[in-house]
């Protein structure tokens, strides 16, 4: 019959087509790998992406430090936005490099990119937490209140009590010594509270802040006792100054509570601590991975047209 020879011929043709296709694919593979100019361009593109990531990581780090050290909310927010923008540049370059390494590059390069990707993911999470704290500037706001309105209230209280002491001293009142002692005690204790606010603002430990607040509370009780005693002893001529002193101290106490509340949030202290510890470690891991990746790409041999075995893509 004729059918069998036709089927036999068709089978041989199919086998021949498969072999031909394999030969074509092998030829294209070696042609691509044996093209020095193409391989150099491919290498340069990968190196350029790594360099872009290194630069953007450094830029993000500098912007983050500026956000932590900024003296206004506006500056902190500006630098925080810059840090996030630089991190987005890193991520874009990382994705481009990952796509390139799917079609070329060595196994070592792919492993190093994976290593960087993990370190960078950790770095971005740290930055998210750190920058969210930095832009709040609660310690800075507490410090401004302490140096400004709080200090002014204490100063006005001190001035009012000075007038009370002067009035009693000039009148040679028998209560002059007692009034002078009470006024001086209230003035000194208010200055002690003011002095305790600054270490509270800078303190990281909740336990030590508790201790400072306990000391302030004791001073507060004595000041209020002194002012009440002065009110009892006050003569009509000096009563208005005592009222002023009490009002200014109440204002100082109100501002002090605001300062303590802001200080307790501790956003500047916390962000600085994260920047100097967790952030620094994550940065080193990212930089080490990128340095190793760039070195691996640079050391990748360029194929020799006359020697196909000079290139190993694994």
Protein backbone atom coordinates (compact mmCIF):
# COMPACT_ATOMS: atom_id res chain seq x y z
CA UNK A 1 0.00 0.00 0.00
CA UNK A 2 1.05 3.64 -0.53
CA UNK A 3 -0.02 4.87 2.92
CA UNK A 4 2.84 3.35 4.89
CA UNK A 5 5.67 4.96 2.81
CA UNK A 6 3.90 8.33 3.07
CA UNK A 7 3.62 8.05 6.84
CA UNK A 8 7.25 7.01 7.06
CA UNK A 9 8.33 10.01 5.01
CA UNK A 10 6.18 12.34 7.13
CA UNK A 11 7.79 11.00 10.32
CA UNK A 12 11.27 11.61 8.99
CA UNK A 13 10.26 15.14 7.99
CA UNK A 14 8.94 15.87 11.50
CA UNK A 15 12.13 14.59 13.12
CA UNK A 16 14.16 16.68 10.70
CA UNK A 17 12.13 19.80 11.56
CA UNK A 18 12.70 19.29 15.30
CA UNK A 19 16.44 18.80 14.80
CA UNK A 20 16.60 21.90 12.58
CA UNK A 21 14.74 23.96 15.19
CA UNK A 22 17.14 22.80 17.91
CA UNK A 23 20.12 23.72 15.76
CA UNK A 24 18.65 27.18 15.12
CA UNK A 25 18.04 27.76 18.83
CA UNK A 26 21.55 26.62 19.72
CA UNK A 27 22.95 28.90 17.04
CA UNK A 28 21.00 31.89 18.33
CA UNK A 29 22.11 31.17 21.88
CA UNK A 30 25.78 31.09 20.97
CA UNK A 31 25.39 34.07 18.69
CA UNK A 32 23.96 36.13 21.54
CA UNK A 33 26.52 34.97 24.07
CA UNK A 34 29.39 35.40 21.65
CA UNK A 35 28.54 39.05 20.89
CA UNK A 36 31.04 41.04 23.00
CA UNK A 37 29.44 44.41 22.24
CA UNK A 38 25.98 43.19 23.23
CA UNK A 39 27.27 41.57 26.38
CA UNK A 40 29.21 44.70 27.37
CA UNK A 41 26.08 46.82 26.86
CA UNK A 42 24.08 44.36 28.96
CA UNK A 43 26.72 44.52 31.70
CA UNK A 44 26.84 48.33 31.62
CA UNK A 45 23.06 48.53 31.97
CA UNK A 46 23.13 46.32 35.06
CA UNK A 47 25.99 48.29 36.60
CA UNK A 48 24.15 51.55 35.87
CA UNK A 49 21.08 50.27 37.71
CA UNK A 50 23.16 49.20 40.72
CA UNK A 51 24.87 52.62 40.75
CA UNK A 52 21.46 54.29 40.62
CA UNK A 53 20.32 52.24 43.61
CA UNK A 54 23.46 53.05 45.58
CA UNK A 55 23.04 56.77 44.94
CA UNK A 56 19.33 56.75 45.78
CA UNK A 57 19.88 54.76 48.99
CA UNK A 58 22.47 57.33 50.09
CA UNK A 59 20.16 60.22 49.13
CA UNK A 60 17.28 58.69 51.09
CA UNK A 61 19.54 58.25 54.12
CA UNK A 62 20.70 61.88 54.06
CA UNK A 63 17.13 63.14 53.69
CA UNK A 64 16.02 60.94 56.60
CA UNK A 65 18.76 62.39 58.84
CA UNK A 66 17.72 65.91 57.84
CA UNK A 67 14.09 65.10 58.67
CA UNK A 68 15.15 63.92 62.14
CA UNK A 69 17.33 66.99 62.79
CA UNK A 70 15.02 69.62 61.25
CA UNK A 71 13.80 72.40 63.53
CA UNK A 72 10.32 72.90 62.07
CA UNK A 73 7.43 70.66 61.04
CA UNK A 74 7.63 72.03 57.50
CA UNK A 75 11.31 71.18 57.14
CA UNK A 76 10.82 67.72 58.64
CA UNK A 77 7.96 66.99 56.23
CA UNK A 78 9.96 68.27 53.26
CA UNK A 79 12.93 66.02 54.01
CA UNK A 80 10.66 63.07 54.82
CA UNK A 81 9.05 63.42 51.38
CA UNK A 82 12.52 63.56 49.79
CA UNK A 83 13.53 60.39 51.61
CA UNK A 84 10.42 58.55 50.44
CA UNK A 85 10.97 59.78 46.87
CA UNK A 86 14.56 58.51 46.85
CA UNK A 87 13.38 55.14 48.18
CA UNK A 88 10.90 54.96 45.30
CA UNK A 89 13.80 55.47 42.87
CA UNK A 90 15.63 52.56 44.51
CA UNK A 91 12.59 50.32 44.18
CA UNK A 92 12.10 51.20 40.51
CA UNK A 93 15.73 50.43 39.69
CA UNK A 94 15.57 47.22 41.70
CA UNK A 95 12.57 46.02 39.70
CA UNK A 96 14.28 46.87 36.40
CA UNK A 97 17.40 44.96 37.43
CA UNK A 98 15.34 41.97 38.55
CA UNK A 99 13.70 41.89 35.11
CA UNK A 100 17.10 41.97 33.37
CA UNK A 101 18.43 39.18 35.56
CA UNK A 102 15.52 36.96 34.56
CA UNK A 103 16.98 36.82 31.05
CA UNK A 104 20.69 37.05 31.83
CA UNK A 105 23.33 37.39 34.50
CA UNK A 106 24.69 34.75 36.83
CA UNK A 107 23.06 32.82 39.63
CA UNK A 108 25.29 34.69 42.08
CA UNK A 109 23.97 38.03 40.82
CA UNK A 110 20.38 36.89 41.27
CA UNK A 111 21.14 35.68 44.79
CA UNK A 112 22.80 39.00 45.67
CA UNK A 113 19.81 40.95 44.35
CA UNK A 114 17.53 38.80 46.50
CA UNK A 115 19.75 39.55 49.47
CA UNK A 116 19.53 43.28 48.76
CA UNK A 117 15.77 43.12 48.24
CA UNK A 118 15.26 41.64 51.70
CA UNK A 119 17.55 44.21 53.34
CA UNK A 120 15.88 47.06 51.47
CA UNK A 121 12.40 45.89 52.49
CA UNK A 122 13.53 46.03 56.13
CA UNK A 123 15.10 49.45 55.54
CA UNK A 124 11.88 50.87 54.08
CA UNK A 125 9.85 49.60 57.03
CA UNK A 126 12.29 51.26 59.44
CA UNK A 127 12.08 54.48 57.45
CA UNK A 128 8.30 54.43 57.52
CA UNK A 129 8.29 54.22 61.31
CA UNK A 130 11.15 56.67 61.75
CA UNK A 131 9.82 59.38 59.42
CA UNK A 132 6.31 59.16 60.89
CA UNK A 133 7.88 60.04 64.26
CA UNK A 134 10.31 62.66 62.97
CA UNK A 135 7.67 64.93 61.43
CA UNK A 136 5.80 65.26 64.75
CA UNK A 137 8.69 67.04 66.53
CA UNK A 138 7.12 66.71 69.99
CA UNK A 139 10.40 67.11 71.88
CA UNK A 140 11.26 70.19 69.85
CA UNK A 141 7.81 71.69 70.54
CA UNK A 142 8.23 70.94 74.25
CA UNK A 143 11.61 72.65 74.24
CA UNK A 144 10.19 75.75 72.55
CA UNK A 145 7.45 75.95 75.17
CA UNK A 146 9.98 75.57 77.98
CA UNK A 147 12.27 78.30 76.67
CA UNK A 148 9.40 80.59 75.65
CA UNK A 149 6.00 80.78 77.40
CA UNK A 150 7.02 78.72 80.45
CA UNK A 151 10.15 80.80 81.09
CA UNK A 152 8.18 84.01 80.66
CA UNK A 153 5.54 82.90 83.17
CA UNK A 154 8.20 82.09 85.77
CA UNK A 155 9.89 85.42 85.14
CA UNK A 156 6.62 87.33 85.61
CA UNK A 157 5.87 85.41 88.79
CA UNK A 158 9.35 86.23 90.10
CA UNK A 159 8.87 89.93 89.29
CA UNK A 160 5.53 90.06 91.11
CA UNK A 161 6.98 88.37 94.22
CA UNK A 162 9.94 90.75 94.15
CA UNK A 163 7.51 93.65 94.39
CA UNK A 164 5.80 91.98 97.36
CA UNK A 165 9.13 91.57 99.19
CA UNK A 166 10.12 95.16 98.43
CA UNK A 167 6.80 96.51 99.72
CA UNK A 168 7.10 94.68 103.04
CA UNK A 169 10.78 95.50 103.46
CA UNK A 170 10.26 99.21 102.84
CA UNK A 171 7.35 99.35 105.28
CA UNK A 172 9.41 97.74 108.08
CA UNK A 173 6.52 95.35 108.71
CA UNK A 174 6.94 92.72 111.41
CA UNK A 175 5.89 90.17 108.77
CA UNK A 176 8.69 91.23 106.42
CA UNK A 177 10.98 88.33 107.33
CA UNK A 178 8.20 85.79 106.97
CA UNK A 179 7.02 87.24 103.66
CA UNK A 180 10.55 87.38 102.31
CA UNK A 181 11.14 83.72 103.24
CA UNK A 182 7.92 82.52 101.63
CA UNK A 183 8.46 84.53 98.46
CA UNK A 184 12.07 83.39 98.07
CA UNK A 185 11.07 79.77 98.65
CA UNK A 186 8.37 79.96 95.96
CA UNK A 187 10.73 81.65 93.49
CA UNK A 188 13.54 79.14 94.04
CA UNK A 189 11.25 76.13 93.77
CA UNK A 190 9.66 77.40 90.54
CA UNK A 191 13.15 77.72 89.06
CA UNK A 192 13.91 74.13 90.14
CA UNK A 193 10.83 72.89 88.30
CA UNK A 194 11.88 74.87 85.25
CA UNK A 195 15.34 73.29 85.41
CA UNK A 196 13.87 69.78 85.69
CA UNK A 197 11.87 70.21 82.49
CA UNK A 198 14.92 70.16 80.23
CA UNK A 199 16.27 66.72 81.23
CA UNK A 200 12.68 65.45 81.02
CA UNK A 201 12.46 66.62 77.40
CA UNK A 202 15.74 64.91 76.52
CA UNK A 203 15.05 61.71 78.50
CA UNK A 204 14.34 58.42 76.70
CA UNK A 205 13.44 56.29 79.73
CA UNK A 206 9.86 56.38 81.04
CA UNK A 207 11.11 55.42 84.49
CA UNK A 208 13.44 58.42 84.71
CA UNK A 209 10.70 60.70 83.42
CA UNK A 210 8.47 59.38 86.22
CA UNK A 211 11.17 60.30 88.73
CA UNK A 212 11.52 63.81 87.34
CA UNK A 213 7.76 64.33 87.42
CA UNK A 214 7.65 63.18 91.05
CA UNK A 215 10.25 65.79 91.97
CA UNK A 216 8.30 68.47 90.10
CA UNK A 217 5.07 67.50 91.86
CA UNK A 218 6.73 67.89 95.30
CA UNK A 219 8.07 71.32 94.36
CA UNK A 220 4.63 72.29 93.06
CA UNK A 221 2.97 71.44 96.38
CA UNK A 222 5.45 73.60 98.31
CA UNK A 223 5.04 76.54 95.92
CA UNK A 224 1.27 76.50 96.24
CA UNK A 225 1.60 76.31 100.03
CA UNK A 226 3.93 79.32 99.99
CA UNK A 227 1.57 81.33 97.80
CA UNK A 228 -1.42 80.54 100.00
CA UNK A 229 0.54 81.62 103.07
CA UNK A 230 1.46 84.87 101.35
CA UNK A 231 -2.19 85.46 100.53
CA UNK A 232 -3.04 85.12 104.23
CA UNK A 233 -0.29 87.55 105.26
CA UNK A 234 -0.87 89.99 102.45
CA UNK A 235 -1.67 93.58 103.23
CA UNK A 236 -3.98 95.45 100.88
CA UNK A 237 -1.04 97.22 99.23
CA UNK A 238 0.64 93.97 98.23
CA UNK A 239 -2.35 91.74 97.56
CA UNK A 240 -2.58 92.53 93.83
CA UNK A 241 1.03 91.43 93.28
CA UNK A 242 0.37 88.16 95.09
CA UNK A 243 -2.68 87.60 92.91
CA UNK A 244 -0.48 88.25 89.86
CA UNK A 245 2.18 85.84 91.16
CA UNK A 246 -0.42 83.10 91.67
CA UNK A 247 -1.91 83.69 88.22
CA UNK A 248 1.51 83.53 86.55
CA UNK A 249 2.35 80.33 88.44
CA UNK A 250 -0.95 78.74 87.39
CA UNK A 251 -0.07 79.64 83.81
CA UNK A 252 3.37 78.07 84.24
CA UNK A 253 1.78 74.90 85.65
CA UNK A 254 -0.60 74.68 82.70
CA UNK A 255 2.26 75.06 80.21
CA UNK A 256 4.32 72.56 82.21
CA UNK A 257 1.63 69.90 81.74
CA UNK A 258 1.68 70.57 77.98
CA UNK A 259 5.47 70.23 77.95
CA UNK A 260 5.35 66.94 79.85
CA UNK A 261 2.69 65.54 77.53
CA UNK A 262 4.75 66.42 74.44
CA UNK A 263 7.93 65.14 76.08
CA UNK A 264 6.24 61.83 76.86
CA UNK A 265 5.48 61.25 73.18
CA UNK A 266 9.23 61.56 72.67
CA UNK A 267 9.06 61.47 68.87
CA UNK A 268 12.37 63.27 68.25
CA UNK A 269 14.25 61.13 70.75
CA UNK A 270 12.72 57.92 69.40
CA UNK A 271 13.39 58.80 65.76
CA UNK A 272 17.00 59.72 66.54
CA UNK A 273 17.50 56.46 68.44
CA UNK A 274 16.10 54.45 65.52
CA UNK A 275 18.27 56.40 63.07
CA UNK A 276 21.44 55.69 65.04
CA UNK A 277 20.72 52.01 65.70
CA UNK A 278 18.25 50.06 63.53
CA UNK A 279 18.57 52.33 60.50
CA UNK A 280 22.36 52.25 60.52
CA UNK A 281 22.45 48.43 60.62
CA UNK A 282 19.92 48.13 57.78
CA UNK A 283 21.90 50.65 55.72
CA UNK A 284 25.09 48.63 56.09
CA UNK A 285 23.30 45.47 54.93
CA UNK A 286 21.93 47.25 51.85
CA UNK A 287 25.25 48.84 50.95
CA UNK A 288 27.17 45.58 51.39
CA UNK A 289 24.71 43.71 49.15
CA UNK A 290 24.90 46.38 46.43
CA UNK A 291 28.70 46.53 46.58
CA UNK A 292 28.90 42.75 46.22
CA UNK A 293 26.37 42.80 43.37
CA UNK A 294 28.24 45.45 41.42
CA UNK A 295 31.52 43.61 41.92
CA UNK A 296 29.95 40.36 40.67
CA UNK A 297 28.66 42.07 37.52
CA UNK A 298 31.96 43.80 36.86
CA UNK A 299 33.86 40.53 37.20
CA UNK A 300 31.55 38.69 34.82
CA UNK A 301 33.73 37.69 31.79
CA UNK A 302 32.99 39.06 28.34
CA UNK A 303 32.60 36.12 25.86
CA UNK A 304 35.28 35.52 23.26
CA UNK A 305 33.90 35.00 19.77
CA UNK A 306 36.65 32.49 19.01
CA UNK A 307 36.09 30.61 22.26
CA UNK A 308 32.39 29.92 23.02
CA UNK A 309 33.32 28.32 26.34
CA UNK A 310 34.70 31.62 27.65
CA UNK A 311 31.22 32.54 28.92
CA UNK A 312 29.18 30.66 31.47
CA UNK A 313 25.75 32.09 32.10
CA UNK A 314 25.10 30.00 35.22
